[in-house]
Amino acid sequence: MTETGRSGKRGEKLGERGGLPGDLRRLLERYPREIWLDHGNLGGMARFWLKRHDMFRDLGPMLSRGIDSYRENPGDPSSLASWLAPRINFFLGEIDGHHQIEDHHYFPVFMDLEPDLRRGFDILESDHHVIHGALEANAAAANEFFQSLAGESDKARFAADDYAAENEKLISLLLRHLEDEEDLIVPMILDRGEERLGLY
């Protein structure tokens, strides 16, 4: 099935939409974000999952600040590479692993329990394919940048620009996805409870 097929109607694909379609927000209207953290059904698994999302929200901009600092004032290339490379690897690897767990464990459980929301999980699964492509592009641009640090400064500057652009693209896609994923899943958890969903 193509990504368009997974995500359903035109305009639901990540990078095209501004949020979940209205028919998938019915539980969100009953359980708006401002009540989530104080709700009794927000258990340990959901809180851990939300913290992972917050970590991704923090790491992406951290990488942007690191590369922007280099672009504004190139310093010691080896120092930059030793700081930036492990953080990029961690960021990309953790996102990929997080999505694998969701696709193979949580999403199938949720779809069985909430068949009315199946299209929402198809959208989220399609997002994961789009993000995976952005992860690969990000890694390729990062590798080009690190290789360029041993060469001419002009080449390194252009490679830094390319990596910065790929990182901003990934962050934009990721932020939209994380918000929509939370808007679909957290209200469902609050409505049913983690024990009934098999998440305890």
N, C-alpha and C. Protein backbone atom coordinates (compact mmCIF):
# COMPACT_ATOMS: atom_id res chain seq x y z
N MET A 1 0.85 -1.19 0.00
CA MET A 1 0.00 0.00 0.00
C MET A 1 0.89 1.24 0.00
N THR A 2 0.53 2.25 -0.78
CA THR A 2 1.33 3.46 -0.84
C THR A 2 1.10 4.31 0.39
N GLU A 3 1.97 5.32 0.60
CA GLU A 3 1.78 6.21 1.73
C GLU A 3 0.46 6.96 1.62
N THR A 4 0.09 7.35 0.41
CA THR A 4 -1.18 8.04 0.24
C THR A 4 -2.33 7.13 0.62
N GLY A 5 -2.20 5.84 0.24
CA GLY A 5 -3.23 4.88 0.60
C GLY A 5 -3.33 4.68 2.09
N ARG A 6 -2.20 4.63 2.76
CA ARG A 6 -2.22 4.45 4.21
C ARG A 6 -2.87 5.65 4.89
N SER A 7 -2.55 6.83 4.42
CA SER A 7 -3.00 8.03 5.13
C SER A 7 -4.41 8.44 4.74
N GLY A 8 -4.99 7.79 3.74
CA GLY A 8 -6.38 8.08 3.40
C GLY A 8 -6.52 9.26 2.47
N LYS A 9 -7.40 10.20 2.83
CA LYS A 9 -7.76 11.29 1.93
C LYS A 9 -6.60 12.24 1.67
N ARG A 10 -6.67 12.87 0.54
CA ARG A 10 -5.67 13.88 0.19
C ARG A 10 -5.65 14.97 1.24
N GLY A 11 -4.47 15.43 1.59
CA GLY A 11 -4.35 16.46 2.61
C GLY A 11 -4.16 15.91 4.01
N GLU A 12 -4.22 14.58 4.15
CA GLU A 12 -3.97 13.97 5.45
C GLU A 12 -2.51 13.55 5.60
N LYS A 13 -1.75 13.60 4.53
CA LYS A 13 -0.35 13.20 4.57
C LYS A 13 0.47 14.20 5.38
N LEU A 14 1.45 13.68 6.12
CA LEU A 14 2.32 14.53 6.91
C LEU A 14 3.04 15.51 6.00
N GLY A 15 3.06 16.76 6.40
CA GLY A 15 3.63 17.81 5.58
C GLY A 15 2.57 18.57 4.81
N GLU A 16 1.36 18.01 4.74
CA GLU A 16 0.24 18.66 4.05
C GLU A 16 -0.85 19.10 5.03
N ARG A 17 -0.98 18.40 6.14
CA ARG A 17 -2.09 18.68 7.05
C ARG A 17 -1.67 19.61 8.18
N GLY A 18 -2.65 20.25 8.77
CA GLY A 18 -2.41 21.15 9.91
C GLY A 18 -2.89 20.56 11.21
N GLY A 19 -3.25 19.30 11.23
CA GLY A 19 -3.75 18.63 12.43
C GLY A 19 -4.60 17.45 12.01
N LEU A 20 -5.12 16.75 13.01
CA LEU A 20 -5.99 15.62 12.71
C LEU A 20 -7.30 16.08 12.08
N PRO A 21 -7.87 15.28 11.17
CA PRO A 21 -9.21 15.60 10.65
C PRO A 21 -10.22 15.66 11.78
N GLY A 22 -11.25 16.46 11.58
CA GLY A 22 -12.23 16.71 12.63
C GLY A 22 -12.88 15.46 13.19
N ASP A 23 -13.15 14.46 12.34
CA ASP A 23 -13.84 13.27 12.83
C ASP A 23 -12.97 12.42 13.74
N LEU A 24 -11.66 12.67 13.74
CA LEU A 24 -10.75 11.92 14.61
C LEU A 24 -10.45 12.67 15.91
N ARG A 25 -11.11 13.80 16.09
CA ARG A 25 -10.85 14.63 17.27
C ARG A 25 -11.98 14.57 18.30
N ARG A 26 -12.90 13.62 18.13
CA ARG A 26 -14.07 13.60 19.02
C ARG A 26 -13.68 13.33 20.46
N LEU A 27 -12.73 12.40 20.68
CA LEU A 27 -12.29 12.14 22.05
C LEU A 27 -11.45 13.29 22.59
N LEU A 28 -10.71 13.97 21.72
CA LEU A 28 -9.93 15.13 22.14
C LEU A 28 -10.83 16.24 22.64
N GLU A 29 -12.00 16.38 22.03
CA GLU A 29 -12.94 17.41 22.49
C GLU A 29 -13.45 17.09 23.90
N ARG A 30 -13.57 15.80 24.20
CA ARG A 30 -14.02 15.39 25.53
C ARG A 30 -12.88 15.46 26.55
N TYR A 31 -11.64 15.22 26.06
CA TYR A 31 -10.46 15.21 26.94
C TYR A 31 -9.40 16.17 26.37
N PRO A 32 -9.59 17.47 26.51
CA PRO A 32 -8.62 18.44 25.95
C PRO A 32 -7.28 18.38 26.68
N ARG A 33 -6.26 18.87 26.03
CA ARG A 33 -4.90 18.78 26.55
C ARG A 33 -4.75 19.34 27.97
N GLU A 34 -5.47 20.39 28.29
CA GLU A 34 -5.27 21.04 29.59
C GLU A 34 -5.64 20.15 30.78
N ILE A 35 -6.36 19.07 30.55
CA ILE A 35 -6.73 18.19 31.67
C ILE A 35 -5.88 16.92 31.73
N TRP A 36 -5.02 16.70 30.74
CA TRP A 36 -4.33 15.42 30.64
C TRP A 36 -3.51 15.07 31.88
N LEU A 37 -2.61 15.96 32.28
CA LEU A 37 -1.64 15.62 33.31
C LEU A 37 -2.28 15.37 34.67
N ASP A 38 -3.46 15.93 34.91
CA ASP A 38 -4.14 15.74 36.20
C ASP A 38 -5.19 14.64 36.16
N HIS A 39 -5.35 14.00 35.02
CA HIS A 39 -6.41 12.98 34.89
C HIS A 39 -5.95 11.67 35.54
N GLY A 40 -6.85 11.03 36.26
CA GLY A 40 -6.52 9.80 36.97
C GLY A 40 -6.18 8.63 36.07
N ASN A 41 -6.63 8.64 34.82
CA ASN A 41 -6.34 7.53 33.91
C ASN A 41 -5.03 7.69 33.14
N LEU A 42 -4.32 8.80 33.38
CA LEU A 42 -3.02 8.97 32.73
C LEU A 42 -2.00 8.25 33.58
N GLY A 43 -1.71 7.00 33.20
CA GLY A 43 -0.85 6.14 34.00
C GLY A 43 0.62 6.24 33.64
N GLY A 44 1.40 5.34 34.21
CA GLY A 44 2.85 5.37 34.04
C GLY A 44 3.31 5.20 32.62
N MET A 45 2.68 4.31 31.84
CA MET A 45 3.10 4.11 30.47
C MET A 45 2.89 5.38 29.64
N ALA A 46 1.70 5.98 29.78
CA ALA A 46 1.40 7.19 29.00
C ALA A 46 2.33 8.33 29.39
N ARG A 47 2.61 8.46 30.67
CA ARG A 47 3.51 9.53 31.11
C ARG A 47 4.92 9.32 30.56
N PHE A 48 5.38 8.07 30.56
CA PHE A 48 6.70 7.76 30.00
C PHE A 48 6.72 8.07 28.51
N TRP A 49 5.67 7.67 27.81
CA TRP A 49 5.57 7.90 26.35
C TRP A 49 5.59 9.40 26.04
N LEU A 50 4.85 10.19 26.83
CA LEU A 50 4.84 11.64 26.62
C LEU A 50 6.21 12.25 26.90
N LYS A 51 6.92 11.71 27.89
CA LYS A 51 8.28 12.21 28.17
C LYS A 51 9.22 11.90 27.02
N ARG A 52 9.05 10.75 26.39
CA ARG A 52 9.86 10.44 25.21
C ARG A 52 9.60 11.45 24.11
N HIS A 53 8.35 11.79 23.90
CA HIS A 53 8.01 12.80 22.90
C HIS A 53 8.66 14.13 23.25
N ASP A 54 8.62 14.51 24.53
CA ASP A 54 9.23 15.77 24.94
C ASP A 54 10.74 15.74 24.71
N MET A 55 11.37 14.58 24.90
CA MET A 55 12.80 14.45 24.63
C MET A 55 13.09 14.74 23.16
N PHE A 56 12.26 14.20 22.26
CA PHE A 56 12.46 14.46 20.84
C PHE A 56 12.27 15.95 20.53
N ARG A 57 11.31 16.57 21.19
CA ARG A 57 11.08 18.00 20.99
C ARG A 57 12.27 18.83 21.45
N ASP A 58 12.98 18.35 22.46
CA ASP A 58 14.16 19.07 22.96
C ASP A 58 15.40 18.81 22.11
N LEU A 59 15.59 17.57 21.67
CA LEU A 59 16.82 17.20 20.98
C LEU A 59 16.93 17.83 19.59
N GLY A 60 15.84 17.86 18.84
CA GLY A 60 15.90 18.42 17.49
C GLY A 60 16.40 19.85 17.49
N PRO A 61 15.77 20.74 18.27
CA PRO A 61 16.26 22.12 18.33
C PRO A 61 17.68 22.24 18.89
N MET A 62 18.08 21.32 19.79
CA MET A 62 19.46 21.33 20.30
C MET A 62 20.44 21.14 19.15
N LEU A 63 20.12 20.19 18.25
CA LEU A 63 20.98 19.96 17.09
C LEU A 63 20.99 21.18 16.18
N SER A 64 19.83 21.81 16.03
CA SER A 64 19.77 23.02 15.21
C SER A 64 20.65 24.12 15.77
N ARG A 65 20.61 24.30 17.09
CA ARG A 65 21.44 25.33 17.71
C ARG A 65 22.92 25.00 17.53
N GLY A 66 23.27 23.72 17.62
CA GLY A 66 24.66 23.33 17.44
C GLY A 66 25.18 23.65 16.05
N ILE A 67 24.41 23.31 15.03
CA ILE A 67 24.88 23.56 13.66
C ILE A 67 24.81 25.04 13.33
N ASP A 68 23.81 25.75 13.88
CA ASP A 68 23.72 27.19 13.65
C ASP A 68 24.91 27.93 14.26
N SER A 69 25.34 27.46 15.44
CA SER A 69 26.50 28.07 16.08
C SER A 69 27.74 27.91 15.20
N TYR A 70 27.89 26.73 14.60
CA TYR A 70 29.02 26.50 13.69
C TYR A 70 28.92 27.39 12.46
N ARG A 71 27.72 27.52 11.91
CA ARG A 71 27.55 28.33 10.70
C ARG A 71 27.87 29.80 10.96
N GLU A 72 27.57 30.26 12.18
CA GLU A 72 27.84 31.65 12.52
C GLU A 72 29.30 31.89 12.87
N ASN A 73 29.92 30.89 13.49
CA ASN A 73 31.30 31.06 13.95
C ASN A 73 32.02 29.72 13.93
N PRO A 74 32.52 29.30 12.74
CA PRO A 74 33.20 28.00 12.65
C PRO A 74 34.38 27.94 13.62
N GLY A 75 34.40 26.88 14.40
CA GLY A 75 35.48 26.72 15.37
C GLY A 75 36.29 25.47 15.07
N ASP A 76 36.66 24.76 16.10
CA ASP A 76 37.45 23.55 15.97
C ASP A 76 36.57 22.42 15.42
N PRO A 77 36.82 21.96 14.18
CA PRO A 77 35.96 20.93 13.59
C PRO A 77 35.89 19.65 14.40
N SER A 78 37.01 19.22 14.98
CA SER A 78 36.99 17.97 15.73
C SER A 78 36.15 18.09 17.00
N SER A 79 36.18 19.25 17.62
CA SER A 79 35.37 19.48 18.81
C SER A 79 33.89 19.47 18.46
N LEU A 80 33.55 20.12 17.36
CA LEU A 80 32.15 20.14 16.92
C LEU A 80 31.67 18.72 16.60
N ALA A 81 32.48 17.97 15.85
CA ALA A 81 32.08 16.62 15.45
C ALA A 81 31.90 15.72 16.67
N SER A 82 32.78 15.85 17.66
CA SER A 82 32.67 14.99 18.84
C SER A 82 31.43 15.33 19.67
N TRP A 83 30.97 16.58 19.59
CA TRP A 83 29.74 16.98 20.30
C TRP A 83 28.50 16.60 19.49
N LEU A 84 28.54 16.87 18.19
CA LEU A 84 27.34 16.75 17.37
C LEU A 84 27.04 15.31 16.94
N ALA A 85 28.04 14.56 16.55
CA ALA A 85 27.80 13.23 15.97
C ALA A 85 27.04 12.29 16.91
N PRO A 86 27.46 12.13 18.17
CA PRO A 86 26.70 11.20 19.03
C PRO A 86 25.28 11.65 19.29
N ARG A 87 25.05 12.94 19.31
CA ARG A 87 23.69 13.45 19.56
C ARG A 87 22.80 13.22 18.35
N ILE A 88 23.36 13.38 17.15
CA ILE A 88 22.59 13.07 15.94
C ILE A 88 22.26 11.59 15.90
N ASN A 89 23.24 10.74 16.16
CA ASN A 89 23.01 9.29 16.14
C ASN A 89 21.95 8.89 17.16
N PHE A 90 22.03 9.46 18.34
CA PHE A 90 21.05 9.14 19.38
C PHE A 90 19.66 9.59 18.96
N PHE A 91 19.54 10.82 18.48
CA PHE A 91 18.26 11.39 18.06
C PHE A 91 17.60 10.53 16.98
N LEU A 92 18.34 10.23 15.93
CA LEU A 92 17.78 9.48 14.81
C LEU A 92 17.45 8.04 15.23
N GLY A 93 18.34 7.42 15.98
CA GLY A 93 18.12 6.04 16.40
C GLY A 93 16.94 5.89 17.35
N GLU A 94 16.80 6.84 18.27
CA GLU A 94 15.70 6.77 19.22
C GLU A 94 14.35 6.99 18.54
N ILE A 95 14.29 7.89 17.57
CA ILE A 95 13.04 8.09 16.84
C ILE A 95 12.65 6.81 16.10
N ASP A 96 13.61 6.22 15.40
CA ASP A 96 13.33 5.01 14.64
C ASP A 96 12.87 3.88 15.57
N GLY A 97 13.55 3.68 16.68
CA GLY A 97 13.17 2.63 17.61
C GLY A 97 11.80 2.87 18.23
N HIS A 98 11.52 4.11 18.55
CA HIS A 98 10.23 4.49 19.11
C HIS A 98 9.10 4.14 18.14
N HIS A 99 9.30 4.44 16.87
CA HIS A 99 8.27 4.15 15.87
C HIS A 99 8.11 2.65 15.65
N GLN A 100 9.19 1.90 15.73
CA GLN A 100 9.08 0.44 15.58
C GLN A 100 8.18 -0.14 16.67
N ILE A 101 8.37 0.31 17.90
CA ILE A 101 7.55 -0.18 19.02
C ILE A 101 6.08 0.19 18.80
N GLU A 102 5.84 1.42 18.37
CA GLU A 102 4.46 1.84 18.14
C GLU A 102 3.81 1.03 17.02
N ASP A 103 4.52 0.87 15.90
CA ASP A 103 3.94 0.18 14.75
C ASP A 103 3.66 -1.29 15.03
N HIS A 104 4.53 -1.94 15.78
CA HIS A 104 4.43 -3.39 15.95
C HIS A 104 3.76 -3.82 17.24
N HIS A 105 3.63 -2.90 18.18
CA HIS A 105 3.01 -3.29 19.45
C HIS A 105 1.77 -2.46 19.77
N TYR A 106 1.96 -1.16 19.96
CA TYR A 106 0.85 -0.35 20.46
C TYR A 106 -0.25 -0.10 19.44
N PHE A 107 0.11 0.28 18.22
CA PHE A 107 -0.92 0.61 17.24
C PHE A 107 -1.86 -0.56 16.95
N PRO A 108 -1.36 -1.79 16.76
CA PRO A 108 -2.29 -2.90 16.52
C PRO A 108 -3.26 -3.11 17.68
N VAL A 109 -2.77 -2.95 18.92
CA VAL A 109 -3.66 -3.08 20.09
C VAL A 109 -4.72 -2.01 20.07
N PHE A 110 -4.31 -0.77 19.82
CA PHE A 110 -5.25 0.34 19.82
C PHE A 110 -6.30 0.19 18.72
N MET A 111 -5.87 -0.25 17.54
CA MET A 111 -6.81 -0.39 16.42
C MET A 111 -7.85 -1.48 16.70
N ASP A 112 -7.44 -2.54 17.37
CA ASP A 112 -8.40 -3.59 17.71
C ASP A 112 -9.43 -3.10 18.72
N LEU A 113 -9.00 -2.26 19.65
CA LEU A 113 -9.89 -1.78 20.70
C LEU A 113 -10.75 -0.60 20.26
N GLU A 114 -10.24 0.18 19.32
CA GLU A 114 -10.97 1.37 18.85
C GLU A 114 -11.04 1.35 17.33
N PRO A 115 -11.85 0.46 16.75
CA PRO A 115 -11.90 0.38 15.28
C PRO A 115 -12.35 1.68 14.62
N ASP A 116 -13.11 2.50 15.33
CA ASP A 116 -13.55 3.78 14.76
C ASP A 116 -12.37 4.73 14.52
N LEU A 117 -11.25 4.47 15.20
CA LEU A 117 -10.08 5.33 15.06
C LEU A 117 -9.03 4.72 14.14
N ARG A 118 -9.36 3.63 13.46
CA ARG A 118 -8.38 2.93 12.62
C ARG A 118 -7.77 3.87 11.59
N ARG A 119 -8.58 4.74 10.99
CA ARG A 119 -8.02 5.65 9.98
C ARG A 119 -6.97 6.56 10.59
N GLY A 120 -7.18 6.94 11.86
CA GLY A 120 -6.18 7.76 12.53
C GLY A 120 -4.86 7.04 12.68
N PHE A 121 -4.91 5.75 13.01
CA PHE A 121 -3.67 5.00 13.14
C PHE A 121 -3.04 4.72 11.79
N ASP A 122 -3.85 4.60 10.74
CA ASP A 122 -3.29 4.51 9.39
C ASP A 122 -2.52 5.79 9.04
N ILE A 123 -3.07 6.94 9.44
CA ILE A 123 -2.40 8.22 9.21
C ILE A 123 -1.06 8.25 9.95
N LEU A 124 -1.08 7.84 11.21
CA LEU A 124 0.15 7.85 12.01
C LEU A 124 1.19 6.89 11.47
N GLU A 125 0.74 5.72 11.01
CA GLU A 125 1.68 4.77 10.42
C GLU A 125 2.29 5.34 9.15
N SER A 126 1.47 6.01 8.34
CA SER A 126 1.99 6.66 7.14
C SER A 126 3.01 7.73 7.51
N ASP A 127 2.73 8.48 8.60
CA ASP A 127 3.69 9.47 9.09
C ASP A 127 5.04 8.84 9.34
N HIS A 128 5.03 7.66 9.94
CA HIS A 128 6.29 6.99 10.27
C HIS A 128 7.11 6.71 9.01
N HIS A 129 6.45 6.37 7.92
CA HIS A 129 7.17 6.15 6.66
C HIS A 129 7.76 7.45 6.14
N VAL A 130 7.01 8.52 6.23
CA VAL A 130 7.51 9.84 5.78
C VAL A 130 8.70 10.25 6.64
N ILE A 131 8.56 10.09 7.96
CA ILE A 131 9.63 10.48 8.88
C ILE A 131 10.87 9.61 8.66
N HIS A 132 10.66 8.33 8.36
CA HIS A 132 11.81 7.46 8.11
C HIS A 132 12.64 7.98 6.94
N GLY A 133 11.95 8.44 5.89
CA GLY A 133 12.67 9.04 4.77
C GLY A 133 13.45 10.28 5.19
N ALA A 134 12.84 11.08 6.07
CA ALA A 134 13.51 12.28 6.56
C ALA A 134 14.69 11.93 7.46
N LEU A 135 14.57 10.83 8.23
CA LEU A 135 15.69 10.37 9.05
C LEU A 135 16.88 9.99 8.17
N GLU A 136 16.60 9.27 7.09
CA GLU A 136 17.68 8.85 6.19
C GLU A 136 18.34 10.06 5.52
N ALA A 137 17.52 11.03 5.12
CA ALA A 137 18.07 12.24 4.50
C ALA A 137 18.90 13.03 5.51
N ASN A 138 18.43 13.08 6.75
CA ASN A 138 19.16 13.77 7.81
C ASN A 138 20.51 13.12 8.05
N ALA A 139 20.52 11.77 8.15
CA ALA A 139 21.77 11.05 8.37
C ALA A 139 22.75 11.25 7.23
N ALA A 140 22.24 11.23 6.00
CA ALA A 140 23.10 11.41 4.83
C ALA A 140 23.72 12.82 4.84
N ALA A 141 22.90 13.83 5.15
CA ALA A 141 23.41 15.21 5.18
C ALA A 141 24.42 15.39 6.31
N ALA A 142 24.17 14.74 7.45
CA ALA A 142 25.12 14.82 8.57
C ALA A 142 26.45 14.19 8.19
N ASN A 143 26.40 13.02 7.53
CA ASN A 143 27.64 12.36 7.10
C ASN A 143 28.42 13.22 6.11
N GLU A 144 27.72 13.84 5.18
CA GLU A 144 28.37 14.74 4.22
C GLU A 144 29.05 15.89 4.95
N PHE A 145 28.37 16.42 5.95
CA PHE A 145 28.94 17.54 6.70
C PHE A 145 30.19 17.10 7.45
N PHE A 146 30.12 15.97 8.15
CA PHE A 146 31.29 15.54 8.92
C PHE A 146 32.48 15.24 8.00
N GLN A 147 32.21 14.66 6.83
CA GLN A 147 33.30 14.39 5.88
C GLN A 147 33.90 15.69 5.36
N SER A 148 33.05 16.71 5.21
CA SER A 148 33.52 17.99 4.66
C SER A 148 34.42 18.74 5.63
N LEU A 149 34.34 18.43 6.91
CA LEU A 149 35.12 19.17 7.90
C LEU A 149 36.63 18.98 7.70
N ALA A 150 37.00 17.90 7.03
CA ALA A 150 38.43 17.66 6.78
C ALA A 150 38.93 18.37 5.53
N GLY A 151 38.03 19.03 4.81
CA GLY A 151 38.40 19.65 3.55
C GLY A 151 38.33 21.17 3.59
N GLU A 152 37.93 21.75 2.47
CA GLU A 152 37.87 23.21 2.34
C GLU A 152 36.74 23.78 3.18
N SER A 153 36.97 24.97 3.71
CA SER A 153 35.99 25.60 4.59
C SER A 153 34.69 25.93 3.85
N ASP A 154 34.81 26.30 2.55
CA ASP A 154 33.60 26.63 1.79
C ASP A 154 32.72 25.40 1.63
N LYS A 155 33.33 24.27 1.37
CA LYS A 155 32.56 23.03 1.23
C LYS A 155 31.88 22.68 2.55
N ALA A 156 32.58 22.86 3.65
CA ALA A 156 32.00 22.57 4.97
C ALA A 156 30.83 23.51 5.26
N ARG A 157 30.97 24.76 4.85
CA ARG A 157 29.88 25.72 5.09
C ARG A 157 28.63 25.32 4.31
N PHE A 158 28.79 24.94 3.06
CA PHE A 158 27.63 24.51 2.26
C PHE A 158 27.03 23.23 2.82
N ALA A 159 27.89 22.31 3.26
CA ALA A 159 27.39 21.06 3.84
C ALA A 159 26.65 21.32 5.15
N ALA A 160 27.12 22.30 5.92
CA ALA A 160 26.43 22.67 7.15
C ALA A 160 25.05 23.24 6.84
N ASP A 161 24.98 24.04 5.79
CA ASP A 161 23.67 24.59 5.37
C ASP A 161 22.72 23.47 4.97
N ASP A 162 23.25 22.48 4.23
CA ASP A 162 22.42 21.36 3.80
C ASP A 162 21.91 20.55 4.99
N TYR A 163 22.81 20.30 5.96
CA TYR A 163 22.38 19.55 7.14
C TYR A 163 21.34 20.34 7.92
N ALA A 164 21.56 21.63 8.09
CA ALA A 164 20.62 22.46 8.84
C ALA A 164 19.23 22.42 8.20
N ALA A 165 19.19 22.45 6.87
CA ALA A 165 17.90 22.40 6.16
C ALA A 165 17.21 21.06 6.37
N GLU A 166 17.97 19.97 6.31
CA GLU A 166 17.39 18.65 6.52
C GLU A 166 16.90 18.50 7.96
N ASN A 167 17.64 19.05 8.90
CA ASN A 167 17.23 18.95 10.30
C ASN A 167 15.94 19.73 10.54
N GLU A 168 15.85 20.91 9.97
CA GLU A 168 14.63 21.71 10.13
C GLU A 168 13.42 21.00 9.51
N LYS A 169 13.63 20.36 8.37
CA LYS A 169 12.55 19.61 7.72
C LYS A 169 12.09 18.47 8.63
N LEU A 170 13.05 17.73 9.17
CA LEU A 170 12.71 16.62 10.06
C LEU A 170 11.97 17.12 11.29
N ILE A 171 12.45 18.18 11.90
CA ILE A 171 11.80 18.71 13.10
C ILE A 171 10.37 19.13 12.80
N SER A 172 10.16 19.80 11.68
CA SER A 172 8.82 20.24 11.31
C SER A 172 7.86 19.06 11.17
N LEU A 173 8.31 18.03 10.46
CA LEU A 173 7.48 16.83 10.30
C LEU A 173 7.23 16.15 11.64
N LEU A 174 8.28 16.05 12.44
CA LEU A 174 8.18 15.35 13.71
C LEU A 174 7.23 16.05 14.67
N LEU A 175 7.33 17.37 14.76
CA LEU A 175 6.47 18.11 15.68
C LEU A 175 5.00 17.96 15.33
N ARG A 176 4.68 18.02 14.04
CA ARG A 176 3.29 17.83 13.61
C ARG A 176 2.83 16.43 13.98
N HIS A 177 3.67 15.44 13.70
CA HIS A 177 3.31 14.06 13.98
C HIS A 177 3.12 13.82 15.48
N LEU A 178 4.03 14.29 16.30
CA LEU A 178 3.93 14.06 17.74
C LEU A 178 2.64 14.65 18.30
N GLU A 179 2.30 15.85 17.88
CA GLU A 179 1.08 16.47 18.38
C GLU A 179 -0.15 15.69 17.96
N ASP A 180 -0.20 15.29 16.70
CA ASP A 180 -1.37 14.55 16.22
C ASP A 180 -1.46 13.18 16.86
N GLU A 181 -0.32 12.54 17.05
CA GLU A 181 -0.31 11.23 17.69
C GLU A 181 -0.84 11.33 19.12
N GLU A 182 -0.38 12.32 19.84
CA GLU A 182 -0.86 12.53 21.21
C GLU A 182 -2.35 12.85 21.23
N ASP A 183 -2.79 13.68 20.29
CA ASP A 183 -4.21 14.07 20.24
C ASP A 183 -5.12 12.88 19.97
N LEU A 184 -4.61 11.88 19.28
CA LEU A 184 -5.41 10.68 19.00
C LEU A 184 -5.36 9.70 20.17
N ILE A 185 -4.15 9.48 20.70
CA ILE A 185 -3.94 8.37 21.64
C ILE A 185 -4.24 8.74 23.09
N VAL A 186 -3.78 9.90 23.54
CA VAL A 186 -3.98 10.22 24.97
C VAL A 186 -5.45 10.28 25.34
N PRO A 187 -6.32 10.92 24.57
CA PRO A 187 -7.73 10.90 24.94
C PRO A 187 -8.32 9.48 25.00
N MET A 188 -7.84 8.60 24.13
CA MET A 188 -8.30 7.22 24.17
C MET A 188 -7.87 6.54 25.47
N ILE A 189 -6.64 6.81 25.90
CA ILE A 189 -6.16 6.25 27.16
C ILE A 189 -6.97 6.80 28.33
N LEU A 190 -7.24 8.09 28.31
CA LEU A 190 -8.02 8.69 29.39
C LEU A 190 -9.44 8.15 29.42
N ASP A 191 -9.97 7.86 28.25
CA ASP A 191 -11.35 7.37 28.17
C ASP A 191 -11.47 5.94 28.68
N ARG A 192 -10.46 5.11 28.39
CA ARG A 192 -10.54 3.69 28.73
C ARG A 192 -9.70 3.29 29.93
N GLY A 193 -8.60 3.96 30.14
CA GLY A 193 -7.66 3.56 31.18
C GLY A 193 -6.62 2.61 30.66
N GLU A 194 -5.42 2.67 31.21
CA GLU A 194 -4.32 1.85 30.70
C GLU A 194 -4.56 0.36 30.92
N GLU A 195 -5.21 -0.01 32.02
CA GLU A 195 -5.42 -1.43 32.29
C GLU A 195 -6.34 -2.05 31.26
N ARG A 196 -7.41 -1.35 30.91
CA ARG A 196 -8.34 -1.87 29.90
C ARG A 196 -7.70 -1.94 28.52
N LEU A 197 -6.71 -1.08 28.29
CA LEU A 197 -6.01 -1.08 27.00
C LEU A 197 -4.85 -2.08 26.98
N GLY A 198 -4.60 -2.72 28.11
CA GLY A 198 -3.50 -3.67 28.19
C GLY A 198 -2.13 -3.01 28.24
N LEU A 199 -2.06 -1.79 28.80
CA LEU A 199 -0.81 -1.03 28.81
C LEU A 199 -0.16 -0.97 30.17
N TYR A 200 -0.78 -1.51 31.19
CA TYR A 200 -0.22 -1.41 32.55
C TYR A 200 0.99 -2.30 32.71
